[in-house]
Amino acid sequence: MNDENEELEINKKNREDFEKLMEESSTKKDMYWDSNNPAVRVILLIIGAIILVGSAYFIYMYINK
């Protein structure tokens, strides 16, 4: 029974240390994508192009109906 209490205390301490480490290592930019990042910018441009082409297609089909 004493070993179980010691093990629980060790686990509790390790958990607290882990949470403290994660809190200290996080930055403000961890919660969102930076729109100035080249990879994110390319993805956003591709999505934007798909939206524009799709909108133009539906407008074209509506006009020619």
PDB file of N, CA and C in Angstrom:
ATOM      1  N   MET A   1       0.831  -1.185   0.000  1.00  0.00           N
ATOM      2  CA  MET A   1       0.000   0.000   0.000  1.00  0.00           C
ATOM      3  C   MET A   1       0.875   1.247   0.000  1.00  0.00           C
ATOM      4  N   ASN A   2       1.979   1.185   0.732  1.00  0.00           N
ATOM      5  CA  ASN A   2       2.894   2.328   0.796  1.00  0.00           C
ATOM      6  C   ASN A   2       3.540   2.571  -0.566  1.00  0.00           C
ATOM      7  N   ASP A   3       3.845   1.488  -1.293  1.00  0.00           N
ATOM      8  CA  ASP A   3       4.438   1.617  -2.629  1.00  0.00           C
ATOM      9  C   ASP A   3       3.471   2.300  -3.585  1.00  0.00           C
ATOM     10  N   GLU A   4       2.186   1.998  -3.451  1.00  0.00           N
ATOM     11  CA  GLU A   4       1.182   2.616  -4.317  1.00  0.00           C
ATOM     12  C   GLU A   4       1.105   4.113  -4.069  1.00  0.00           C
ATOM     13  N   ASN A   5       1.170   4.530  -2.813  1.00  0.00           N
ATOM     14  CA  ASN A   5       1.123   5.959  -2.482  1.00  0.00           C
ATOM     15  C   ASN A   5       2.352   6.678  -3.028  1.00  0.00           C
ATOM     16  N   GLU A   6       3.501   6.057  -2.912  1.00  0.00           N
ATOM     17  CA  GLU A   6       4.721   6.648  -3.444  1.00  0.00           C
ATOM     18  C   GLU A   6       4.637   6.776  -4.969  1.00  0.00           C
ATOM     19  N   GLU A   7       4.106   5.732  -5.600  1.00  0.00           N
ATOM     20  CA  GLU A   7       3.963   5.742  -7.057  1.00  0.00           C
ATOM     21  C   GLU A   7       2.985   6.828  -7.496  1.00  0.00           C
ATOM     22  N   LEU A   8       1.895   7.000  -6.760  1.00  0.00           N
ATOM     23  CA  LEU A   8       0.935   8.048  -7.076  1.00  0.00           C
ATOM     24  C   LEU A   8       1.553   9.431  -6.922  1.00  0.00           C
ATOM     25  N   GLU A   9       2.342   9.616  -5.881  1.00  0.00           N
ATOM     26  CA  GLU A   9       3.002  10.906  -5.661  1.00  0.00           C
ATOM     27  C   GLU A   9       4.012  11.198  -6.774  1.00  0.00           C
ATOM     28  N   ILE A  10       4.745  10.176  -7.189  1.00  0.00           N
ATOM     29  CA  ILE A  10       5.721  10.350  -8.278  1.00  0.00           C
ATOM     30  C   ILE A  10       4.990  10.712  -9.571  1.00  0.00           C
ATOM     31  N   ASN A  11       3.896  10.010  -9.863  1.00  0.00           N
ATOM     32  CA  ASN A  11       3.122  10.315 -11.064  1.00  0.00           C
ATOM     33  C   ASN A  11       2.545  11.722 -11.017  1.00  0.00           C
ATOM     34  N   LYS A  12       2.064  12.114  -9.850  1.00  0.00           N
ATOM     35  CA  LYS A  12       1.502  13.463  -9.689  1.00  0.00           C
ATOM     36  C   LYS A  12       2.578  14.519  -9.907  1.00  0.00           C
ATOM     37  N   LYS A  13       3.762  14.297  -9.331  1.00  0.00           N
ATOM     38  CA  LYS A  13       4.857  15.247  -9.491  1.00  0.00           C
ATOM     39  C   LYS A  13       5.309  15.314 -10.951  1.00  0.00           C
ATOM     40  N   ASN A  14       5.423  14.155 -11.609  1.00  0.00           N
ATOM     41  CA  ASN A  14       5.813  14.134 -13.018  1.00  0.00           C
ATOM     42  C   ASN A  14       4.795  14.863 -13.880  1.00  0.00           C
ATOM     43  N   ARG A  15       3.525  14.678 -13.579  1.00  0.00           N
ATOM     44  CA  ARG A  15       2.464  15.352 -14.336  1.00  0.00           C
ATOM     45  C   ARG A  15       2.559  16.869 -14.158  1.00  0.00           C
ATOM     46  N   GLU A  16       2.774  17.318 -12.945  1.00  0.00           N
ATOM     47  CA  GLU A  16       2.906  18.751 -12.682  1.00  0.00           C
ATOM     48  C   GLU A  16       4.129  19.324 -13.397  1.00  0.00           C
ATOM     49  N   ASP A  17       5.235  18.599 -13.355  1.00  0.00           N
ATOM     50  CA  ASP A  17       6.443  19.053 -14.053  1.00  0.00           C
ATOM     51  C   ASP A  17       6.220  19.138 -15.555  1.00  0.00           C
ATOM     52  N   PHE A  18       5.519  18.145 -16.104  1.00  0.00           N
ATOM     53  CA  PHE A  18       5.226  18.134 -17.536  1.00  0.00           C
ATOM     54  C   PHE A  18       4.342  19.323 -17.925  1.00  0.00           C
ATOM     55  N   GLU A  19       3.290  19.567 -17.158  1.00  0.00           N
ATOM     56  CA  GLU A  19       2.394  20.686 -17.454  1.00  0.00           C
ATOM     57  C   GLU A  19       3.127  22.020 -17.347  1.00  0.00           C
ATOM     58  N   LYS A  20       4.006  22.152 -16.370  1.00  0.00           N
ATOM     59  CA  LYS A  20       4.785  23.382 -16.217  1.00  0.00           C
ATOM     60  C   LYS A  20       5.718  23.575 -17.413  1.00  0.00           C
ATOM     61  N   LEU A  21       6.375  22.497 -17.837  1.00  0.00           N
ATOM     62  CA  LEU A  21       7.271  22.563 -18.988  1.00  0.00           C
ATOM     63  C   LEU A  21       6.514  22.960 -20.252  1.00  0.00           C
ATOM     64  N   MET A  22       5.333  22.375 -20.489  1.00  0.00           N
ATOM     65  CA  MET A  22       4.539  22.698 -21.673  1.00  0.00           C
ATOM     66  C   MET A  22       4.076  24.149 -21.646  1.00  0.00           C
ATOM     67  N   GLU A  23       3.715  24.635 -20.480  1.00  0.00           N
ATOM     68  CA  GLU A  23       3.265  26.023 -20.357  1.00  0.00           C
ATOM     69  C   GLU A  23       4.408  26.993 -20.633  1.00  0.00           C
ATOM     70  N   GLU A  24       5.600  26.680 -20.153  1.00  0.00           N
ATOM     71  CA  GLU A  24       6.751  27.555 -20.357  1.00  0.00           C
ATOM     72  C   GLU A  24       7.239  27.534 -21.802  1.00  0.00           C
ATOM     73  N   SER A  25       7.079  26.416 -22.494  1.00  0.00           N
ATOM     74  CA  SER A  25       7.609  26.302 -23.848  1.00  0.00           C
ATOM     75  C   SER A  25       6.641  26.795 -24.914  1.00  0.00           C
ATOM     76  N   SER A  26       5.394  27.043 -24.552  1.00  0.00           N
ATOM     77  CA  SER A  26       4.436  27.505 -25.556  1.00  0.00           C
ATOM     78  C   SER A  26       4.662  28.978 -25.855  1.00  0.00           C
ATOM     79  N   THR A  27       4.291  29.362 -27.069  1.00  0.00           N
ATOM     80  CA  THR A  27       4.398  30.761 -27.473  1.00  0.00           C
ATOM     81  C   THR A  27       3.032  31.237 -27.925  1.00  0.00           C
ATOM     82  N   LYS A  28       2.921  32.515 -28.191  1.00  0.00           N
ATOM     83  CA  LYS A  28       1.646  33.073 -28.637  1.00  0.00           C
ATOM     84  C   LYS A  28       1.271  32.552 -30.015  1.00  0.00           C
ATOM     85  N   LYS A  29       2.255  32.180 -30.827  1.00  0.00           N
ATOM     86  CA  LYS A  29       1.985  31.740 -32.185  1.00  0.00           C
ATOM     87  C   LYS A  29       1.610  30.267 -32.265  1.00  0.00           C
ATOM     88  N   ASP A  30       1.586  29.561 -31.154  1.00  0.00           N
ATOM     89  CA  ASP A  30       1.226  28.139 -31.181  1.00  0.00           C
ATOM     90  C   ASP A  30      -0.248  27.926 -31.494  1.00  0.00           C
ATOM     91  N   MET A  31      -1.078  28.925 -31.307  1.00  0.00           N
ATOM     92  CA  MET A  31      -2.520  28.742 -31.409  1.00  0.00           C
ATOM     93  C   MET A  31      -3.098  29.101 -32.775  1.00  0.00           C
ATOM     94  N   TYR A  32      -2.321  29.612 -33.705  1.00  0.00           N
ATOM     95  CA  TYR A  32      -2.865  29.937 -35.013  1.00  0.00           C
ATOM     96  C   TYR A  32      -1.796  29.776 -36.079  1.00  0.00           C
ATOM     97  N   TRP A  33      -2.239  29.720 -37.338  1.00  0.00           N
ATOM     98  CA  TRP A  33      -1.320  29.623 -38.470  1.00  0.00           C
ATOM     99  C   TRP A  33      -0.890  31.033 -38.837  1.00  0.00           C
ATOM    100  N   ASP A  34       0.384  31.229 -39.056  1.00  0.00           N
ATOM    101  CA  ASP A  34       0.914  32.513 -39.457  1.00  0.00           C
ATOM    102  C   ASP A  34       0.650  32.705 -40.948  1.00  0.00           C
ATOM    103  N   SER A  35      -0.138  33.705 -41.303  1.00  0.00           N
ATOM    104  CA  SER A  35      -0.500  33.894 -42.712  1.00  0.00           C
ATOM    105  C   SER A  35       0.673  34.390 -43.545  1.00  0.00           C
ATOM    106  N   ASN A  36       1.773  34.789 -42.924  1.00  0.00           N
ATOM    107  CA  ASN A  36       2.962  35.202 -43.669  1.00  0.00           C
ATOM    108  C   ASN A  36       3.895  34.038 -43.986  1.00  0.00           C
ATOM    109  N   ASN A  37       3.587  32.883 -43.446  1.00  0.00           N
ATOM    110  CA  ASN A  37       4.377  31.687 -43.722  1.00  0.00           C
ATOM    111  C   ASN A  37       4.170  31.306 -45.195  1.00  0.00           C
ATOM    112  N   PRO A  38       5.237  31.077 -45.959  1.00  0.00           N
ATOM    113  CA  PRO A  38       5.083  30.774 -47.389  1.00  0.00           C
ATOM    114  C   PRO A  38       4.206  29.552 -47.675  1.00  0.00           C
ATOM    115  N   ALA A  39       4.316  28.511 -46.883  1.00  0.00           N
ATOM    116  CA  ALA A  39       3.506  27.309 -47.110  1.00  0.00           C
ATOM    117  C   ALA A  39       2.028  27.611 -46.895  1.00  0.00           C
ATOM    118  N   VAL A  40       1.713  28.339 -45.843  1.00  0.00           N
ATOM    119  CA  VAL A  40       0.323  28.697 -45.563  1.00  0.00           C
ATOM    120  C   VAL A  40      -0.198  29.629 -46.660  1.00  0.00           C
ATOM    121  N   ARG A  41       0.639  30.535 -47.100  1.00  0.00           N
ATOM    122  CA  ARG A  41       0.234  31.471 -48.157  1.00  0.00           C
ATOM    123  C   ARG A  41      -0.104  30.718 -49.451  1.00  0.00           C
ATOM    124  N   VAL A  42       0.686  29.710 -49.803  1.00  0.00           N
ATOM    125  CA  VAL A  42       0.420  28.916 -51.010  1.00  0.00           C
ATOM    126  C   VAL A  42      -0.909  28.174 -50.862  1.00  0.00           C
ATOM    127  N   ILE A  43      -1.134  27.582 -49.711  1.00  0.00           N
ATOM    128  CA  ILE A  43      -2.391  26.864 -49.474  1.00  0.00           C
ATOM    129  C   ILE A  43      -3.575  27.813 -49.590  1.00  0.00           C
ATOM    130  N   LEU A  44      -3.464  28.999 -48.996  1.00  0.00           N
ATOM    131  CA  LEU A  44      -4.553  29.971 -49.070  1.00  0.00           C
ATOM    132  C   LEU A  44      -4.784  30.448 -50.497  1.00  0.00           C
ATOM    133  N   LEU A  45      -3.717  30.631 -51.262  1.00  0.00           N
ATOM    134  CA  LEU A  45      -3.867  31.042 -52.661  1.00  0.00           C
ATOM    135  C   LEU A  45      -4.558  29.955 -53.483  1.00  0.00           C
ATOM    136  N   ILE A  46      -4.215  28.695 -53.240  1.00  0.00           N
ATOM    137  CA  ILE A  46      -4.867  27.590 -53.957  1.00  0.00           C
ATOM    138  C   ILE A  46      -6.357  27.546 -53.620  1.00  0.00           C
ATOM    139  N   ILE A  47      -6.681  27.669 -52.356  1.00  0.00           N
ATOM    140  CA  ILE A  47      -8.089  27.664 -51.948  1.00  0.00           C
ATOM    141  C   ILE A  47      -8.821  28.848 -52.567  1.00  0.00           C
ATOM    142  N   GLY A  48      -8.196  30.022 -52.560  1.00  0.00           N
ATOM    143  CA  GLY A  48      -8.801  31.207 -53.167  1.00  0.00           C
ATOM    144  C   GLY A  48      -9.034  31.022 -54.655  1.00  0.00           C
ATOM    145  N   ALA A  49      -8.073  30.419 -55.361  1.00  0.00           N
ATOM    146  CA  ALA A  49      -8.217  30.192 -56.801  1.00  0.00           C
ATOM    147  C   ALA A  49      -9.365  29.227 -57.073  1.00  0.00           C
ATOM    148  N   ILE A  50      -9.498  28.188 -56.269  1.00  0.00           N
ATOM    149  CA  ILE A  50     -10.600  27.228 -56.431  1.00  0.00           C
ATOM    150  C   ILE A  50     -11.944  27.942 -56.237  1.00  0.00           C
ATOM    151  N   ILE A  51     -12.018  28.805 -55.250  1.00  0.00           N
ATOM    152  CA  ILE A  51     -13.258  29.543 -54.997  1.00  0.00           C
ATOM    153  C   ILE A  51     -13.586  30.458 -56.175  1.00  0.00           C
ATOM    154  N   LEU A  52     -12.596  31.178 -56.686  1.00  0.00           N
ATOM    155  CA  LEU A  52     -12.832  32.083 -57.815  1.00  0.00           C
ATOM    156  C   LEU A  52     -13.257  31.326 -59.068  1.00  0.00           C
ATOM    157  N   VAL A  53     -12.573  30.239 -59.377  1.00  0.00           N
ATOM    158  CA  VAL A  53     -12.923  29.456 -60.569  1.00  0.00           C
ATOM    159  C   VAL A  53     -14.322  28.855 -60.411  1.00  0.00           C
ATOM    160  N   GLY A  54     -14.638  28.346 -59.251  1.00  0.00           N
ATOM    161  CA  GLY A  54     -15.971  27.776 -59.018  1.00  0.00           C
ATOM    162  C   GLY A  54     -17.058  28.827 -59.124  1.00  0.00           C
ATOM    163  N   SER A  55     -16.829  29.991 -58.553  1.00  0.00           N
ATOM    164  CA  SER A  55     -17.810  31.078 -58.644  1.00  0.00           C
ATOM    165  C   SER A  55     -17.996  31.524 -60.090  1.00  0.00           C
ATOM    166  N   ALA A  56     -16.898  31.685 -60.808  1.00  0.00           N
ATOM    167  CA  ALA A  56     -16.981  32.092 -62.214  1.00  0.00           C
ATOM    168  C   ALA A  56     -17.744  31.055 -63.028  1.00  0.00           C
ATOM    169  N   TYR A  57     -17.537  29.780 -62.767  1.00  0.00           N
ATOM    170  CA  TYR A  57     -18.243  28.710 -63.482  1.00  0.00           C
ATOM    171  C   TYR A  57     -19.747  28.802 -63.252  1.00  0.00           C
ATOM    172  N   PHE A  58     -20.158  28.967 -62.003  1.00  0.00           N
ATOM    173  CA  PHE A  58     -21.585  29.025 -61.711  1.00  0.00           C
ATOM    174  C   PHE A  58     -22.219  30.288 -62.284  1.00  0.00           C
ATOM    175  N   ILE A  59     -21.516  31.402 -62.266  1.00  0.00           N
ATOM    176  CA  ILE A  59     -22.039  32.629 -62.876  1.00  0.00           C
ATOM    177  C   ILE A  59     -22.179  32.435 -64.384  1.00  0.00           C
ATOM    178  N   TYR A  60     -21.195  31.832 -65.016  1.00  0.00           N
ATOM    179  CA  TYR A  60     -21.236  31.561 -66.452  1.00  0.00           C
ATOM    180  C   TYR A  60     -22.408  30.650 -66.798  1.00  0.00           C
ATOM    181  N   MET A  61     -22.595  29.594 -65.991  1.00  0.00           N
ATOM    182  CA  MET A  61     -23.697  28.670 -66.257  1.00  0.00           C
ATOM    183  C   MET A  61     -25.049  29.349 -66.047  1.00  0.00           C
ATOM    184  N   TYR A  62     -25.151  30.247 -65.088  1.00  0.00           N
ATOM    185  CA  TYR A  62     -26.404  30.956 -64.812  1.00  0.00           C
ATOM    186  C   TYR A  62     -26.746  31.917 -65.955  1.00  0.00           C
ATOM    187  N   ILE A  63     -25.724  32.605 -66.455  1.00  0.00           N
ATOM    188  CA  ILE A  63     -25.942  33.569 -67.533  1.00  0.00           C
ATOM    189  C   ILE A  63     -26.337  32.851 -68.826  1.00  0.00           C
ATOM    190  N   ASN A  64     -25.734  31.725 -69.132  1.00  0.00           N
ATOM    191  CA  ASN A  64     -25.988  31.013 -70.380  1.00  0.00           C
ATOM    192  C   ASN A  64     -27.181  30.059 -70.324  1.00  0.00           C
ATOM    193  N   LYS A  65     -27.947  30.110 -69.289  1.00  0.00           N
ATOM    194  CA  LYS A  65     -29.074  29.195 -69.147  1.00  0.00           C
ATOM    195  C   LYS A  65     -30.237  29.568 -70.005  1.00  0.00           C
TER     196      LYS A  65
END
